[in-house]
């Protein structure tokens, strides 16, 4: 079963395996720095579960859960 950014728990890290979105959304996610091989850490989910905040490339990024579901990750590193 494929895991996405949404499957991480706060404090967990993982490397991005691939982006499975359509062309325009895939390009937007690439432009934000979400490229294969990039290490990401889930910081937190908003109080109602959407959006989520991640750390990558020395900055923090907030994504909607609907967008984060297109980011396939490798096996998470447990914090």
PDB file of N, CA and C in Angstrom:
ATOM      1  N   UNK A   1       0.837  -1.190   0.000  1.00  0.00           N
ATOM      2  CA  UNK A   1       0.000   0.000   0.000  1.00  0.00           C
ATOM      3  C   UNK A   1       0.880   1.251   0.000  1.00  0.00           C
ATOM      4  N   UNK A   2       0.536   2.201  -0.843  1.00  0.00           N
ATOM      5  CA  UNK A   2       1.315   3.430  -0.931  1.00  0.00           C
ATOM      6  C   UNK A   2       1.012   4.337   0.241  1.00  0.00           C
ATOM      7  N   UNK A   3       2.055   4.962   0.755  1.00  0.00           N
ATOM      8  CA  UNK A   3       1.890   5.931   1.831  1.00  0.00           C
ATOM      9  C   UNK A   3       2.085   7.322   1.265  1.00  0.00           C
ATOM     10  N   UNK A   4       1.319   8.269   1.802  1.00  0.00           N
ATOM     11  CA  UNK A   4       1.425   9.661   1.383  1.00  0.00           C
ATOM     12  C   UNK A   4       1.818  10.524   2.572  1.00  0.00           C
ATOM     13  N   UNK A   5       1.997  11.810   2.333  1.00  0.00           N
ATOM     14  CA  UNK A   5       2.334  12.734   3.421  1.00  0.00           C
ATOM     15  C   UNK A   5       1.300  12.686   4.540  1.00  0.00           C
ATOM     16  N   UNK A   6       0.062  12.422   4.198  1.00  0.00           N
ATOM     17  CA  UNK A   6      -1.019  12.392   5.187  1.00  0.00           C
ATOM     18  C   UNK A   6      -0.832  11.241   6.184  1.00  0.00           C
ATOM     19  N   UNK A   7      -0.106  10.202   5.796  1.00  0.00           N
ATOM     20  CA  UNK A   7       0.107   9.049   6.673  1.00  0.00           C
ATOM     21  C   UNK A   7       1.179   9.280   7.732  1.00  0.00           C
ATOM     22  N   UNK A   8       1.930  10.369   7.615  1.00  0.00           N
ATOM     23  CA  UNK A   8       2.945  10.666   8.627  1.00  0.00           C
ATOM     24  C   UNK A   8       2.280  11.144   9.911  1.00  0.00           C
ATOM     25  N   UNK A   9       2.964  10.916  11.005  1.00  0.00           N
ATOM     26  CA  UNK A   9       2.541  11.448  12.297  1.00  0.00           C
ATOM     27  C   UNK A   9       3.460  12.631  12.622  1.00  0.00           C
ATOM     28  N   UNK A  10       2.982  13.596  13.407  1.00  0.00           N
ATOM     29  CA  UNK A  10       3.839  14.731  13.744  1.00  0.00           C
ATOM     30  C   UNK A  10       5.194  14.260  14.293  1.00  0.00           C
ATOM     31  N   UNK A  11       6.255  14.840  13.753  1.00  0.00           N
ATOM     32  CA  UNK A  11       7.613  14.485  14.156  1.00  0.00           C
ATOM     33  C   UNK A  11       8.255  13.435  13.265  1.00  0.00           C
ATOM     34  N   UNK A  12       7.464  12.735  12.449  1.00  0.00           N
ATOM     35  CA  UNK A  12       8.014  11.721  11.550  1.00  0.00           C
ATOM     36  C   UNK A  12       8.558  12.368  10.276  1.00  0.00           C
ATOM     37  N   UNK A  13       9.583  11.740   9.727  1.00  0.00           N
ATOM     38  CA  UNK A  13      10.186  12.188   8.478  1.00  0.00           C
ATOM     39  C   UNK A  13      10.125  11.070   7.451  1.00  0.00           C
ATOM     40  N   UNK A  14      10.218  11.455   6.194  1.00  0.00           N
ATOM     41  CA  UNK A  14      10.270  10.492   5.096  1.00  0.00           C
ATOM     42  C   UNK A  14      10.811  11.198   3.865  1.00  0.00           C
ATOM     43  N   UNK A  15      11.268  10.418   2.922  1.00  0.00           N
ATOM     44  CA  UNK A  15      11.701  10.965   1.638  1.00  0.00           C
ATOM     45  C   UNK A  15      10.543  10.855   0.652  1.00  0.00           C
ATOM     46  N   UNK A  16      10.445  11.826  -0.230  1.00  0.00           N
ATOM     47  CA  UNK A  16       9.413  11.790  -1.263  1.00  0.00           C
ATOM     48  C   UNK A  16       9.827  10.771  -2.318  1.00  0.00           C
ATOM     49  N   UNK A  17       8.923   9.865  -2.650  1.00  0.00           N
ATOM     50  CA  UNK A  17       9.184   8.864  -3.682  1.00  0.00           C
ATOM     51  C   UNK A  17       8.749   9.387  -5.049  1.00  0.00           C
ATOM     52  N   UNK A  18       7.521   9.911  -5.127  1.00  0.00           N
ATOM     53  CA  UNK A  18       7.028  10.474  -6.389  1.00  0.00           C
ATOM     54  C   UNK A  18       5.767  11.276  -6.150  1.00  0.00           C
ATOM     55  N   UNK A  19       5.408  12.055  -7.159  1.00  0.00           N
ATOM     56  CA  UNK A  19       4.186  12.851  -7.157  1.00  0.00           C
ATOM     57  C   UNK A  19       3.259  12.237  -8.208  1.00  0.00           C
ATOM     58  N   UNK A  20       2.023  11.925  -7.814  1.00  0.00           N
ATOM     59  CA  UNK A  20       1.101  11.252  -8.741  1.00  0.00           C
ATOM     60  C   UNK A  20      -0.032  12.165  -9.207  1.00  0.00           C
ATOM     61  N   UNK A  21       0.151  13.463  -9.113  1.00  0.00           N
ATOM     62  CA  UNK A  21      -0.888  14.426  -9.493  1.00  0.00           C
ATOM     63  C   UNK A  21      -0.899  14.665 -10.995  1.00  0.00           C
ATOM     64  N   UNK A  22      -1.930  15.384 -11.444  1.00  0.00           N
ATOM     65  CA  UNK A  22      -2.012  15.782 -12.850  1.00  0.00           C
ATOM     66  C   UNK A  22      -0.914  16.791 -13.162  1.00  0.00           C
ATOM     67  N   UNK A  23      -0.719  17.089 -14.428  1.00  0.00           N
ATOM     68  CA  UNK A  23       0.398  17.931 -14.861  1.00  0.00           C
ATOM     69  C   UNK A  23       0.497  19.264 -14.130  1.00  0.00           C
ATOM     70  N   UNK A  24      -0.590  20.018 -14.054  1.00  0.00           N
ATOM     71  CA  UNK A  24      -0.519  21.351 -13.452  1.00  0.00           C
ATOM     72  C   UNK A  24      -0.267  21.279 -11.948  1.00  0.00           C
ATOM     73  N   UNK A  25      -0.943  20.375 -11.254  1.00  0.00           N
ATOM     74  CA  UNK A  25      -0.717  20.241  -9.820  1.00  0.00           C
ATOM     75  C   UNK A  25       0.675  19.663  -9.547  1.00  0.00           C
ATOM     76  N   UNK A  26       1.107  18.702 -10.346  1.00  0.00           N
ATOM     77  CA  UNK A  26       2.447  18.135 -10.179  1.00  0.00           C
ATOM     78  C   UNK A  26       3.498  19.231 -10.317  1.00  0.00           C
ATOM     79  N   UNK A  27       3.342  20.098 -11.318  1.00  0.00           N
ATOM     80  CA  UNK A  27       4.304  21.184 -11.518  1.00  0.00           C
ATOM     81  C   UNK A  27       4.279  22.148 -10.340  1.00  0.00           C
ATOM     82  N   UNK A  28       3.095  22.446  -9.822  1.00  0.00           N
ATOM     83  CA  UNK A  28       2.992  23.345  -8.656  1.00  0.00           C
ATOM     84  C   UNK A  28       3.715  22.756  -7.459  1.00  0.00           C
ATOM     85  N   UNK A  29       3.519  21.458  -7.205  1.00  0.00           N
ATOM     86  CA  UNK A  29       4.183  20.810  -6.078  1.00  0.00           C
ATOM     87  C   UNK A  29       5.694  20.777  -6.278  1.00  0.00           C
ATOM     88  N   UNK A  30       6.143  20.526  -7.504  1.00  0.00           N
ATOM     89  CA  UNK A  30       7.583  20.590  -7.803  1.00  0.00           C
ATOM     90  C   UNK A  30       8.113  21.993  -7.535  1.00  0.00           C
ATOM     91  N   UNK A  31       7.375  23.014  -7.969  1.00  0.00           N
ATOM     92  CA  UNK A  31       7.793  24.399  -7.767  1.00  0.00           C
ATOM     93  C   UNK A  31       7.911  24.756  -6.284  1.00  0.00           C
ATOM     94  N   UNK A  32       7.108  24.096  -5.457  1.00  0.00           N
ATOM     95  CA  UNK A  32       7.169  24.323  -4.005  1.00  0.00           C
ATOM     96  C   UNK A  32       8.330  23.566  -3.358  1.00  0.00           C
ATOM     97  N   UNK A  33       9.051  22.768  -4.137  1.00  0.00           N
ATOM     98  CA  UNK A  33      10.204  22.037  -3.610  1.00  0.00           C
ATOM     99  C   UNK A  33       9.937  20.580  -3.304  1.00  0.00           C
ATOM    100  N   UNK A  34       8.740  20.102  -3.580  1.00  0.00           N
ATOM    101  CA  UNK A  34       8.380  18.709  -3.304  1.00  0.00           C
ATOM    102  C   UNK A  34       8.799  17.836  -4.486  1.00  0.00           C
ATOM    103  N   UNK A  35      10.059  17.474  -4.520  1.00  0.00           N
ATOM    104  CA  UNK A  35      10.601  16.670  -5.604  1.00  0.00           C
ATOM    105  C   UNK A  35      11.077  15.326  -5.066  1.00  0.00           C
ATOM    106  N   UNK A  36      11.093  14.300  -5.918  1.00  0.00           N
ATOM    107  CA  UNK A  36      11.545  12.979  -5.460  1.00  0.00           C
ATOM    108  C   UNK A  36      12.931  13.046  -4.813  1.00  0.00           C
ATOM    109  N   UNK A  37      13.047  12.343  -3.677  1.00  0.00           N
ATOM    110  CA  UNK A  37      14.296  12.305  -2.933  1.00  0.00           C
ATOM    111  C   UNK A  37      14.390  13.342  -1.824  1.00  0.00           C
ATOM    112  N   UNK A  38      13.509  14.327  -1.843  1.00  0.00           N
ATOM    113  CA  UNK A  38      13.526  15.374  -0.814  1.00  0.00           C
ATOM    114  C   UNK A  38      13.030  14.816   0.517  1.00  0.00           C
ATOM    115  N   UNK A  39      13.748  15.122   1.577  1.00  0.00           N
ATOM    116  CA  UNK A  39      13.372  14.707   2.926  1.00  0.00           C
ATOM    117  C   UNK A  39      12.354  15.701   3.479  1.00  0.00           C
ATOM    118  N   UNK A  40      11.241  15.205   4.019  1.00  0.00           N
ATOM    119  CA  UNK A  40      10.211  16.060   4.614  1.00  0.00           C
ATOM    120  C   UNK A  40       9.896  15.565   6.021  1.00  0.00           C
ATOM    121  N   UNK A  41       9.487  16.497   6.866  1.00  0.00           N
ATOM    122  CA  UNK A  41       9.063  16.155   8.234  1.00  0.00           C
ATOM    123  C   UNK A  41       7.688  16.770   8.464  1.00  0.00           C
ATOM    124  N   UNK A  42       6.761  15.973   8.973  1.00  0.00           N
ATOM    125  CA  UNK A  42       5.440  16.503   9.320  1.00  0.00           C
ATOM    126  C   UNK A  42       5.556  17.225  10.646  1.00  0.00           C
ATOM    127  N   UNK A  43       5.182  18.480  10.650  1.00  0.00           N
ATOM    128  CA  UNK A  43       5.213  19.267  11.883  1.00  0.00           C
ATOM    129  C   UNK A  43       3.895  19.119  12.626  1.00  0.00           C
ATOM    130  N   UNK A  44       2.786  19.392  11.926  1.00  0.00           N
ATOM    131  CA  UNK A  44       1.486  19.277  12.588  1.00  0.00           C
ATOM    132  C   UNK A  44       0.354  19.328  11.578  1.00  0.00           C
ATOM    133  N   UNK A  45      -0.797  18.879  12.037  1.00  0.00           N
ATOM    134  CA  UNK A  45      -2.057  19.056  11.327  1.00  0.00           C
ATOM    135  C   UNK A  45      -2.780  20.214  11.995  1.00  0.00           C
ATOM    136  N   UNK A  46      -3.582  20.943  11.241  1.00  0.00           N
ATOM    137  CA  UNK A  46      -4.416  21.991  11.824  1.00  0.00           C
ATOM    138  C   UNK A  46      -5.429  21.331  12.763  1.00  0.00           C
ATOM    139  N   UNK A  47      -6.043  22.098  13.666  1.00  0.00           N
ATOM    140  CA  UNK A  47      -6.967  21.515  14.649  1.00  0.00           C
ATOM    141  C   UNK A  47      -8.060  20.620  14.062  1.00  0.00           C
ATOM    142  N   UNK A  48      -8.568  20.939  12.894  1.00  0.00           N
ATOM    143  CA  UNK A  48      -9.614  20.106  12.296  1.00  0.00           C
ATOM    144  C   UNK A  48      -9.058  19.158  11.237  1.00  0.00           C
ATOM    145  N   UNK A  49      -7.724  18.992  11.194  1.00  0.00           N
ATOM    146  CA  UNK A  49      -7.095  18.015  10.315  1.00  0.00           C
ATOM    147  C   UNK A  49      -6.675  18.515   8.948  1.00  0.00           C
ATOM    148  N   UNK A  50      -7.022  19.736   8.590  1.00  0.00           N
ATOM    149  CA  UNK A  50      -6.673  20.267   7.276  1.00  0.00           C
ATOM    150  C   UNK A  50      -6.483  21.772   7.411  1.00  0.00           C
ATOM    151  N   UNK A  51      -5.362  22.305   7.000  1.00  0.00           N
ATOM    152  CA  UNK A  51      -4.230  21.726   6.272  1.00  0.00           C
ATOM    153  C   UNK A  51      -3.205  21.093   7.217  1.00  0.00           C
ATOM    154  N   UNK A  52      -2.077  20.665   6.610  1.00  0.00           N
ATOM    155  CA  UNK A  52      -0.970  20.134   7.397  1.00  0.00           C
ATOM    156  C   UNK A  52       0.270  20.969   7.108  1.00  0.00           C
ATOM    157  N   UNK A  53       1.194  20.964   8.050  1.00  0.00           N
ATOM    158  CA  UNK A  53       2.419  21.747   7.918  1.00  0.00           C
ATOM    159  C   UNK A  53       3.610  20.801   7.889  1.00  0.00           C
ATOM    160  N   UNK A  54       4.494  20.984   6.910  1.00  0.00           N
ATOM    161  CA  UNK A  54       5.682  20.156   6.787  1.00  0.00           C
ATOM    162  C   UNK A  54       6.925  21.041   6.750  1.00  0.00           C
ATOM    163  N   UNK A  55       8.064  20.432   7.045  1.00  0.00           N
ATOM    164  CA  UNK A  55       9.348  21.119   6.945  1.00  0.00           C
ATOM    165  C   UNK A  55      10.151  20.417   5.854  1.00  0.00           C
ATOM    166  N   UNK A  56      10.702  21.181   4.947  1.00  0.00           N
ATOM    167  CA  UNK A  56      11.568  20.661   3.906  1.00  0.00           C
ATOM    168  C   UNK A  56      12.504  21.760   3.447  1.00  0.00           C
ATOM    169  N   UNK A  57      13.698  21.381   3.038  1.00  0.00           N
ATOM    170  CA  UNK A  57      14.671  22.338   2.479  1.00  0.00           C
ATOM    171  C   UNK A  57      14.813  23.594   3.323  1.00  0.00           C
ATOM    172  N   UNK A  58      14.837  23.441   4.642  1.00  0.00           N
ATOM    173  CA  UNK A  58      15.023  24.554   5.589  1.00  0.00           C
ATOM    174  C   UNK A  58      13.904  25.594   5.576  1.00  0.00           C
ATOM    175  N   UNK A  59      12.690  25.196   5.201  1.00  0.00           N
ATOM    176  CA  UNK A  59      11.540  26.081   5.350  1.00  0.00           C
ATOM    177  C   UNK A  59      10.308  25.245   5.663  1.00  0.00           C
ATOM    178  N   UNK A  60       9.258  25.933   6.101  1.00  0.00           N
ATOM    179  CA  UNK A  60       8.015  25.256   6.429  1.00  0.00           C
ATOM    180  C   UNK A  60       6.974  25.574   5.365  1.00  0.00           C
ATOM    181  N   UNK A  61       6.164  24.562   5.061  1.00  0.00           N
ATOM    182  CA  UNK A  61       5.175  24.664   4.004  1.00  0.00           C
ATOM    183  C   UNK A  61       3.860  24.100   4.514  1.00  0.00           C
ATOM    184  N   UNK A  62       2.766  24.774   4.194  1.00  0.00           N
ATOM    185  CA  UNK A  62       1.431  24.299   4.538  1.00  0.00           C
ATOM    186  C   UNK A  62       0.752  23.816   3.271  1.00  0.00           C
ATOM    187  N   UNK A  63       0.202  22.614   3.335  1.00  0.00           N
ATOM    188  CA  UNK A  63      -0.495  22.014   2.192  1.00  0.00           C
ATOM    189  C   UNK A  63      -1.879  21.549   2.607  1.00  0.00           C
ATOM    190  N   UNK A  64      -2.803  21.603   1.678  1.00  0.00           N
ATOM    191  CA  UNK A  64      -4.107  20.990   1.908  1.00  0.00           C
ATOM    192  C   UNK A  64      -3.931  19.474   1.905  1.00  0.00           C
ATOM    193  N   UNK A  65      -4.757  18.788   2.646  1.00  0.00           N
ATOM    194  CA  UNK A  65      -4.709  17.327   2.676  1.00  0.00           C
ATOM    195  C   UNK A  65      -4.970  16.775   1.278  1.00  0.00           C
ATOM    196  N   UNK A  66      -5.863  17.412   0.534  1.00  0.00           N
ATOM    197  CA  UNK A  66      -6.160  16.944  -0.825  1.00  0.00           C
ATOM    198  C   UNK A  66      -4.927  17.004  -1.719  1.00  0.00           C
ATOM    199  N   UNK A  67      -4.033  17.954  -1.506  1.00  0.00           N
ATOM    200  CA  UNK A  67      -2.778  18.042  -2.266  1.00  0.00           C
ATOM    201  C   UNK A  67      -1.743  17.055  -1.728  1.00  0.00           C
ATOM    202  N   UNK A  68      -1.672  16.948  -0.413  1.00  0.00           N
ATOM    203  CA  UNK A  68      -0.685  16.059   0.221  1.00  0.00           C
ATOM    204  C   UNK A  68      -0.932  14.595  -0.133  1.00  0.00           C
ATOM    205  N   UNK A  69      -2.147  14.240  -0.463  1.00  0.00           N
ATOM    206  CA  UNK A  69      -2.454  12.854  -0.845  1.00  0.00           C
ATOM    207  C   UNK A  69      -1.818  12.449  -2.171  1.00  0.00           C
ATOM    208  N   UNK A  70      -1.342  13.405  -2.949  1.00  0.00           N
ATOM    209  CA  UNK A  70      -0.673  13.105  -4.215  1.00  0.00           C
ATOM    210  C   UNK A  70       0.834  12.910  -4.047  1.00  0.00           C
ATOM    211  N   UNK A  71       1.343  13.150  -2.843  1.00  0.00           N
ATOM    212  CA  UNK A  71       2.783  13.041  -2.593  1.00  0.00           C
ATOM    213  C   UNK A  71       3.063  11.689  -1.944  1.00  0.00           C
ATOM    214  N   UNK A  72       3.596  10.764  -2.738  1.00  0.00           N
ATOM    215  CA  UNK A  72       3.912   9.417  -2.270  1.00  0.00           C
ATOM    216  C   UNK A  72       5.266   9.458  -1.572  1.00  0.00           C
ATOM    217  N   UNK A  73       5.334   8.843  -0.390  1.00  0.00           N
ATOM    218  CA  UNK A  73       6.575   8.845   0.383  1.00  0.00           C
ATOM    219  C   UNK A  73       7.134   7.438   0.510  1.00  0.00           C
ATOM    220  N   UNK A  74       8.429   7.386   0.809  1.00  0.00           N
ATOM    221  CA  UNK A  74       9.057   6.118   1.149  1.00  0.00           C
ATOM    222  C   UNK A  74       8.697   5.827   2.606  1.00  0.00           C
ATOM    223  N   UNK A  75       9.130   4.697   3.107  1.00  0.00           N
ATOM    224  CA  UNK A  75       8.792   4.298   4.483  1.00  0.00           C
ATOM    225  C   UNK A  75       9.203   5.387   5.469  1.00  0.00           C
ATOM    226  N   UNK A  76       8.292   5.818   6.342  1.00  0.00           N
ATOM    227  CA  UNK A  76       8.610   6.895   7.305  1.00  0.00           C
ATOM    228  C   UNK A  76       9.732   6.492   8.265  1.00  0.00           C
ATOM    229  N   UNK A  77      10.480   7.505   8.680  1.00  0.00           N
ATOM    230  CA  UNK A  77      11.482   7.346   9.713  1.00  0.00           C
ATOM    231  C   UNK A  77      10.809   7.709  11.025  1.00  0.00           C
ATOM    232  N   UNK A  78      10.792   6.786  11.959  1.00  0.00           N
ATOM    233  CA  UNK A  78      10.097   7.031  13.225  1.00  0.00           C
ATOM    234  C   UNK A  78      10.889   7.999  14.087  1.00  0.00           C
ATOM    235  N   UNK A  79      10.170   8.958  14.667  1.00  0.00           N
ATOM    236  CA  UNK A  79      10.796   9.987  15.498  1.00  0.00           C
ATOM    237  C   UNK A  79      11.124   9.436  16.866  1.00  0.00           C
TER     238      UNK A  79
END
